[in-house]
N, C-alpha and C. Protein backbone atom coordinates (compact mmCIF):
# COMPACT_ATOMS: atom_id res chain seq x y z
N UNK A 1 16.34 9.87 -10.87
CA UNK A 1 15.00 9.30 -10.85
C UNK A 1 15.33 8.25 -10.09
N UNK A 2 15.97 7.13 -10.74
CA UNK A 2 15.93 5.60 -10.40
C UNK A 2 16.46 5.39 -8.94
N UNK A 3 17.07 6.00 -8.41
CA UNK A 3 17.62 6.11 -6.95
C UNK A 3 16.91 6.86 -5.97
N UNK A 4 15.89 7.60 -6.47
CA UNK A 4 15.16 8.36 -5.13
C UNK A 4 14.45 7.31 -4.21
N UNK A 5 13.96 6.17 -4.42
CA UNK A 5 13.05 5.52 -3.49
C UNK A 5 14.42 4.74 -2.78
N UNK A 6 15.54 4.74 -2.90
CA UNK A 6 16.72 4.11 -2.24
C UNK A 6 16.93 5.05 -1.12
N UNK A 7 17.22 6.38 -1.90
CA UNK A 7 17.76 7.72 -0.89
C UNK A 7 16.75 7.97 0.43
N UNK A 8 15.19 7.85 0.05
CA UNK A 8 14.23 8.06 0.95
C UNK A 8 14.22 6.74 1.93
N UNK A 9 14.53 5.60 1.54
CA UNK A 9 14.76 4.40 2.69
C UNK A 9 15.93 4.61 3.80
N UNK A 10 16.98 5.01 2.77
CA UNK A 10 17.81 5.78 3.97
C UNK A 10 17.73 6.47 4.78
N UNK A 11 16.73 7.50 4.22
CA UNK A 11 16.43 8.76 4.75
C UNK A 11 15.66 8.32 6.07
N UNK A 12 14.73 7.48 5.87
CA UNK A 12 13.89 6.67 6.63
C UNK A 12 14.71 5.99 7.86
N UNK A 13 15.77 5.26 7.38
CA UNK A 13 16.50 4.66 8.62
C UNK A 13 17.28 5.63 9.51
N UNK A 14 17.56 6.95 8.92
CA UNK A 14 18.25 7.59 9.65
C UNK A 14 17.30 8.34 10.85
N UNK A 15 15.68 8.74 10.13
CA UNK A 15 14.92 8.87 10.90
C UNK A 15 14.62 8.37 11.90
N UNK A 16 14.66 7.15 11.91
CA UNK A 16 14.25 6.01 12.79
C UNK A 16 15.06 6.19 13.95
N UNK A 17 16.28 6.18 13.60
CA UNK A 17 17.50 6.27 14.64
C UNK A 17 17.49 7.53 15.58
N UNK A 18 17.08 8.62 14.78
CA UNK A 18 16.64 9.85 15.75
C UNK A 18 15.64 9.79 16.26
N UNK A 19 14.71 9.27 16.17
CA UNK A 19 13.33 8.87 16.82
C UNK A 19 13.41 8.24 17.94
N UNK A 20 14.62 7.16 17.88
CA UNK A 20 14.79 6.68 19.10
C UNK A 20 15.55 7.26 20.21
N UNK A 21 16.51 8.32 19.73
CA UNK A 21 17.24 9.24 20.17
C UNK A 21 16.07 10.13 20.78
N UNK A 22 14.79 10.53 20.22
CA UNK A 22 13.89 11.24 20.78
C UNK A 22 13.15 10.43 22.06
N UNK A 23 12.91 9.32 21.66
CA UNK A 23 12.30 8.52 22.57
C UNK A 23 12.99 8.26 24.05
N UNK A 24 14.68 8.44 23.74
CA UNK A 24 15.53 8.27 24.92
C UNK A 24 15.41 9.68 25.77
N UNK A 25 14.87 10.54 25.22
CA UNK A 25 14.69 12.07 25.55
C UNK A 25 16.23 12.48 25.23
N UNK A 26 16.85 12.51 24.63
CA UNK A 26 17.95 12.92 24.22
C UNK A 26 17.60 14.16 23.17
N UNK A 27 16.86 14.07 22.47
CA UNK A 27 16.44 15.36 21.41
C UNK A 27 14.78 15.27 21.29
N UNK A 28 14.18 16.56 21.24
CA UNK A 28 12.60 16.65 21.18
C UNK A 28 11.74 15.64 20.38
N UNK A 29 11.07 14.81 21.03
CA UNK A 29 10.07 14.43 20.23
C UNK A 29 9.11 15.11 18.94
N UNK A 30 8.99 16.21 19.54
CA UNK A 30 8.40 17.26 18.56
C UNK A 30 9.06 17.45 17.57
N UNK A 31 10.49 17.27 17.10
CA UNK A 31 11.15 17.53 15.99
C UNK A 31 11.41 16.00 14.91
N UNK A 32 11.53 14.97 16.40
CA UNK A 32 11.92 13.44 15.88
C UNK A 32 10.67 13.08 15.06
N UNK A 33 9.65 13.02 15.51
CA UNK A 33 8.19 12.28 15.42
C UNK A 33 7.67 12.92 13.69
N UNK A 34 7.73 14.25 13.72
CA UNK A 34 7.13 14.78 11.73
C UNK A 34 8.60 14.51 10.98
N UNK A 35 9.87 14.20 11.36
CA UNK A 35 10.64 14.08 10.45
C UNK A 35 10.43 12.61 9.93
N UNK A 36 10.25 11.69 10.88
CA UNK A 36 9.77 10.11 10.75
C UNK A 36 8.85 10.03 9.69
N UNK A 37 7.82 11.02 9.88
CA UNK A 37 6.57 10.75 9.56
C UNK A 37 6.46 11.25 7.81
N UNK A 38 7.50 12.12 7.75
CA UNK A 38 7.38 12.63 6.55
C UNK A 38 8.55 11.87 5.62
N UNK A 39 9.63 11.25 6.31
CA UNK A 39 10.53 10.15 5.52
C UNK A 39 9.78 9.01 5.03
N UNK A 40 8.61 8.70 5.99
CA UNK A 40 7.91 7.26 5.40
C UNK A 40 7.14 7.58 4.57
N UNK A 41 6.37 8.78 4.78
CA UNK A 41 5.56 9.15 3.60
C UNK A 41 6.26 9.09 2.08
N UNK A 42 7.66 10.19 2.09
CA UNK A 42 8.17 10.34 1.00
C UNK A 42 8.67 8.86 0.33
N UNK A 43 8.91 8.08 1.24
CA UNK A 43 9.41 6.27 0.83
C UNK A 43 8.02 5.95 0.19
N UNK A 44 7.01 5.66 1.10
CA UNK A 44 6.01 4.89 0.03
C UNK A 44 5.53 6.12 -0.93
N UNK A 45 5.52 7.38 -0.99
CA UNK A 45 5.29 7.77 -2.22
C UNK A 45 6.10 7.32 -3.20
N UNK A 46 7.72 7.52 -2.93
CA UNK A 46 8.29 7.28 -4.28
C UNK A 46 8.54 5.86 -4.96
N UNK A 47 8.18 4.92 -3.95
CA UNK A 47 7.88 3.62 -4.60
C UNK A 47 6.64 3.22 -5.00
N UNK A 48 5.39 4.05 -5.01
CA UNK A 48 4.15 4.07 -5.70
C UNK A 48 3.88 4.79 -6.82
N UNK A 49 4.51 5.89 -6.88
CA UNK A 49 4.43 6.75 -7.74
C UNK A 49 5.30 6.69 -9.32
N UNK A 50 5.99 6.13 -9.15
CA UNK A 50 6.80 5.35 -10.56
C UNK A 50 6.01 4.43 -11.23
N UNK A 51 5.31 4.02 -10.75
CA UNK A 51 4.39 2.57 -11.62
C UNK A 51 3.27 3.26 -11.64
N UNK A 52 3.03 4.67 -11.47
CA UNK A 52 1.27 5.14 -12.17
C UNK A 52 1.47 5.55 -13.41
N UNK A 53 0.34 4.98 -13.95
CA UNK A 53 0.20 4.72 -15.59
C UNK A 53 -0.16 6.30 -16.04
N UNK A 54 0.85 6.97 -16.93
CA UNK A 54 0.43 8.38 -17.62
C UNK A 54 -0.43 8.56 -18.69
N UNK A 55 -0.71 7.42 -19.27
CA UNK A 55 -1.95 7.62 -20.23
C UNK A 55 -1.05 7.25 -21.50
N UNK A 56 -1.70 6.93 -22.67
CA UNK A 56 -1.14 6.76 -23.85
C UNK A 56 -0.50 7.56 -24.61
N UNK A 57 0.42 7.59 -25.23
CA UNK A 57 1.37 8.45 -26.00
C UNK A 57 1.53 8.11 -27.50
């Protein structure tokens, strides 16, 4: 769980490179844009979710 944000940052960098290939029309943009969106979403989610308040126990 500790390395999950780092994993998603690496996936986002890879998806960004894949999106650049899509902008050069080497791969379909229909495939690269959702991958970039999903990776950015999970990167932000992984950084904010671990600091959420879970209640007093």
